[in-house]
Amino acid sequence: MKVFDKLNLLPLDALRMFLRYVAENEKLLFAEVSVMMSEGDEDADILAAVRKRLKYPAKRIRVNVEGLQC
């Protein structure tokens, strides 16, 4: 846990800070990102795609489940 040592922070303190932020702001510090990759993709390829999508995010589309046709 070199990062916590570098920040002079205990993991428990980091968790407390995170939970306090969520309670005070009623939102998370981060957003979930979904990525579709094929079975043959290497880890480096997946990481490169994720980093690119985080740097240049696409416009979000809202979908209503009732509007989907099966």
N, C-alpha and C. Protein backbone atom coordinates (compact mmCIF):
# COMPACT_ATOMS: atom_id res chain seq x y z
N MET A 1 0.83 -1.19 0.00
CA MET A 1 0.00 0.00 0.00
C MET A 1 0.87 1.25 0.00
N LYS A 2 1.73 1.33 -0.97
CA LYS A 2 2.66 2.46 -1.06
C LYS A 2 1.94 3.79 -1.24
N VAL A 3 0.82 3.76 -1.93
CA VAL A 3 0.08 5.01 -2.17
C VAL A 3 -0.40 5.61 -0.86
N PHE A 4 -0.96 4.77 0.00
CA PHE A 4 -1.43 5.27 1.30
C PHE A 4 -0.27 5.79 2.14
N ASP A 5 0.87 5.09 2.10
CA ASP A 5 2.06 5.56 2.82
C ASP A 5 2.51 6.92 2.27
N LYS A 6 2.51 7.05 0.95
CA LYS A 6 2.92 8.29 0.30
C LYS A 6 2.00 9.45 0.71
N LEU A 7 0.71 9.15 0.85
CA LEU A 7 -0.26 10.17 1.24
C LEU A 7 -0.37 10.32 2.76
N ASN A 8 0.41 9.48 3.49
CA ASN A 8 0.36 9.48 4.95
C ASN A 8 -1.09 9.28 5.42
N LEU A 9 -1.71 8.26 4.86
CA LEU A 9 -3.13 8.00 5.08
C LEU A 9 -3.35 6.51 5.32
N LEU A 10 -4.14 6.19 6.31
CA LEU A 10 -4.52 4.79 6.53
C LEU A 10 -5.69 4.43 5.62
N PRO A 11 -5.76 3.18 5.14
CA PRO A 11 -6.90 2.78 4.31
C PRO A 11 -8.25 3.06 4.98
N LEU A 12 -8.33 2.83 6.29
CA LEU A 12 -9.58 3.08 7.01
C LEU A 12 -9.96 4.56 6.95
N ASP A 13 -8.96 5.44 7.06
CA ASP A 13 -9.24 6.88 6.97
C ASP A 13 -9.72 7.26 5.57
N ALA A 14 -9.13 6.65 4.55
CA ALA A 14 -9.56 6.91 3.18
C ALA A 14 -11.01 6.48 2.98
N LEU A 15 -11.36 5.33 3.54
CA LEU A 15 -12.74 4.85 3.44
C LEU A 15 -13.69 5.80 4.16
N ARG A 16 -13.31 6.27 5.33
CA ARG A 16 -14.15 7.23 6.07
C ARG A 16 -14.36 8.51 5.27
N MET A 17 -13.28 9.00 4.64
CA MET A 17 -13.39 10.23 3.84
C MET A 17 -14.33 10.01 2.66
N PHE A 18 -14.22 8.84 2.02
CA PHE A 18 -15.09 8.52 0.90
C PHE A 18 -16.55 8.47 1.33
N LEU A 19 -16.81 7.77 2.43
CA LEU A 19 -18.19 7.65 2.91
C LEU A 19 -18.75 9.01 3.34
N ARG A 20 -17.92 9.84 3.94
CA ARG A 20 -18.38 11.18 4.34
C ARG A 20 -18.73 12.01 3.10
N TYR A 21 -17.90 11.92 2.05
CA TYR A 21 -18.17 12.65 0.81
C TYR A 21 -19.52 12.22 0.23
N VAL A 22 -19.75 10.90 0.17
CA VAL A 22 -21.01 10.38 -0.38
C VAL A 22 -22.19 10.87 0.45
N ALA A 23 -22.07 10.82 1.77
CA ALA A 23 -23.16 11.25 2.65
C ALA A 23 -23.44 12.74 2.50
N GLU A 24 -22.41 13.55 2.40
CA GLU A 24 -22.59 15.00 2.32
C GLU A 24 -23.05 15.47 0.95
N ASN A 25 -22.58 14.81 -0.11
CA ASN A 25 -22.88 15.26 -1.47
C ASN A 25 -23.93 14.42 -2.19
N GLU A 26 -24.32 13.31 -1.58
CA GLU A 26 -25.30 12.40 -2.16
C GLU A 26 -24.96 11.98 -3.58
N LYS A 27 -23.66 11.76 -3.82
CA LYS A 27 -23.20 11.25 -5.11
C LYS A 27 -21.82 10.62 -4.90
N LEU A 28 -21.44 9.78 -5.85
CA LEU A 28 -20.14 9.13 -5.79
C LEU A 28 -19.07 10.03 -6.39
N LEU A 29 -17.82 9.73 -6.07
CA LEU A 29 -16.69 10.48 -6.63
C LEU A 29 -16.36 10.04 -8.05
N PHE A 30 -16.97 8.95 -8.49
CA PHE A 30 -16.62 8.38 -9.78
C PHE A 30 -17.87 7.84 -10.45
N ALA A 31 -17.76 7.56 -11.73
CA ALA A 31 -18.87 7.00 -12.49
C ALA A 31 -18.48 5.62 -13.01
N GLU A 32 -19.44 4.75 -13.12
CA GLU A 32 -19.19 3.41 -13.66
C GLU A 32 -19.06 3.50 -15.17
N VAL A 33 -18.12 2.75 -15.70
CA VAL A 33 -17.89 2.73 -17.13
C VAL A 33 -18.00 1.29 -17.61
N SER A 34 -18.80 1.07 -18.65
CA SER A 34 -18.93 -0.27 -19.23
C SER A 34 -18.14 -0.33 -20.52
N VAL A 35 -17.44 -1.43 -20.72
CA VAL A 35 -16.62 -1.59 -21.92
C VAL A 35 -16.88 -2.97 -22.49
N MET A 36 -17.18 -3.03 -23.77
CA MET A 36 -17.39 -4.31 -24.44
C MET A 36 -16.13 -4.63 -25.24
N MET A 37 -15.52 -5.77 -24.95
CA MET A 37 -14.32 -6.19 -25.65
C MET A 37 -14.53 -7.64 -26.10
N SER A 38 -13.74 -8.08 -27.05
CA SER A 38 -13.86 -9.46 -27.52
C SER A 38 -12.93 -10.38 -26.73
N GLU A 39 -13.16 -11.65 -26.83
CA GLU A 39 -12.44 -12.64 -26.05
C GLU A 39 -10.94 -12.65 -26.35
N GLY A 40 -10.56 -12.31 -27.57
CA GLY A 40 -9.16 -12.37 -27.97
C GLY A 40 -8.34 -11.14 -27.59
N ASP A 41 -8.98 -10.12 -27.04
CA ASP A 41 -8.25 -8.90 -26.70
C ASP A 41 -7.29 -9.13 -25.54
N GLU A 42 -6.13 -8.56 -25.66
CA GLU A 42 -5.12 -8.63 -24.61
C GLU A 42 -5.39 -7.55 -23.57
N ASP A 43 -4.87 -7.75 -22.37
CA ASP A 43 -5.08 -6.78 -21.29
C ASP A 43 -4.61 -5.38 -21.69
N ALA A 44 -3.48 -5.29 -22.36
CA ALA A 44 -2.95 -3.98 -22.77
C ALA A 44 -3.91 -3.29 -23.73
N ASP A 45 -4.53 -4.07 -24.63
CA ASP A 45 -5.50 -3.50 -25.57
C ASP A 45 -6.73 -2.98 -24.84
N ILE A 46 -7.19 -3.75 -23.86
CA ILE A 46 -8.36 -3.35 -23.08
C ILE A 46 -8.07 -2.08 -22.30
N LEU A 47 -6.91 -2.02 -21.65
CA LEU A 47 -6.54 -0.82 -20.89
C LEU A 47 -6.42 0.40 -21.80
N ALA A 48 -5.85 0.21 -22.98
CA ALA A 48 -5.71 1.32 -23.92
C ALA A 48 -7.09 1.83 -24.35
N ALA A 49 -8.03 0.91 -24.61
CA ALA A 49 -9.38 1.31 -25.00
C ALA A 49 -10.09 2.04 -23.87
N VAL A 50 -9.95 1.54 -22.65
CA VAL A 50 -10.59 2.19 -21.51
C VAL A 50 -10.02 3.58 -21.29
N ARG A 51 -8.71 3.70 -21.34
CA ARG A 51 -8.08 5.02 -21.14
C ARG A 51 -8.54 6.02 -22.22
N LYS A 52 -8.65 5.55 -23.46
CA LYS A 52 -9.11 6.41 -24.54
C LYS A 52 -10.55 6.86 -24.32
N ARG A 53 -11.41 5.91 -23.91
CA ARG A 53 -12.82 6.25 -23.69
C ARG A 53 -13.01 7.17 -22.49
N LEU A 54 -12.16 7.01 -21.48
CA LEU A 54 -12.23 7.93 -20.34
C LEU A 54 -11.76 9.32 -20.73
N LYS A 55 -10.74 9.39 -21.60
CA LYS A 55 -10.21 10.68 -22.04
C LYS A 55 -11.17 11.39 -23.00
N TYR A 56 -11.83 10.61 -23.85
CA TYR A 56 -12.78 11.15 -24.84
C TYR A 56 -14.12 10.44 -24.70
N PRO A 57 -14.88 10.76 -23.64
CA PRO A 57 -16.14 10.05 -23.42
C PRO A 57 -17.19 10.35 -24.50
N ALA A 58 -17.98 9.35 -24.81
CA ALA A 58 -19.07 9.51 -25.76
C ALA A 58 -20.26 10.11 -25.02
N LYS A 59 -21.17 10.71 -25.79
CA LYS A 59 -22.37 11.27 -25.20
C LYS A 59 -23.20 10.12 -24.61
N ARG A 60 -23.70 10.32 -23.40
CA ARG A 60 -24.51 9.28 -22.76
C ARG A 60 -25.91 9.25 -23.36
N ILE A 61 -26.46 8.05 -23.42
CA ILE A 61 -27.80 7.85 -23.97
C ILE A 61 -28.66 7.21 -22.88
N ARG A 62 -29.79 7.83 -22.59
CA ARG A 62 -30.71 7.25 -21.61
C ARG A 62 -31.61 6.24 -22.32
N VAL A 63 -31.79 5.10 -21.70
CA VAL A 63 -32.61 4.04 -22.27
C VAL A 63 -33.68 3.67 -21.27
N ASN A 64 -34.90 3.58 -21.74
CA ASN A 64 -36.02 3.16 -20.91
C ASN A 64 -36.25 1.68 -21.19
N VAL A 65 -36.24 0.86 -20.14
CA VAL A 65 -36.38 -0.58 -20.30
C VAL A 65 -37.68 -0.94 -21.00
N GLU A 66 -38.77 -0.22 -20.70
CA GLU A 66 -40.05 -0.51 -21.33
C GLU A 66 -40.01 -0.26 -22.83
N GLY A 67 -39.12 0.61 -23.28
CA GLY A 67 -39.03 0.92 -24.70
C GLY A 67 -38.24 -0.09 -25.51
N LEU A 68 -37.57 -1.02 -24.86
CA LEU A 68 -36.77 -2.01 -25.57
C LEU A 68 -37.67 -3.11 -26.11
N GLN A 69 -37.38 -3.56 -27.32
CA GLN A 69 -38.15 -4.65 -27.91
C GLN A 69 -37.31 -5.92 -27.87
N CYS A 70 -37.92 -7.00 -27.47
CA CYS A 70 -37.19 -8.30 -27.40
C CYS A 70 -37.48 -9.13 -28.62
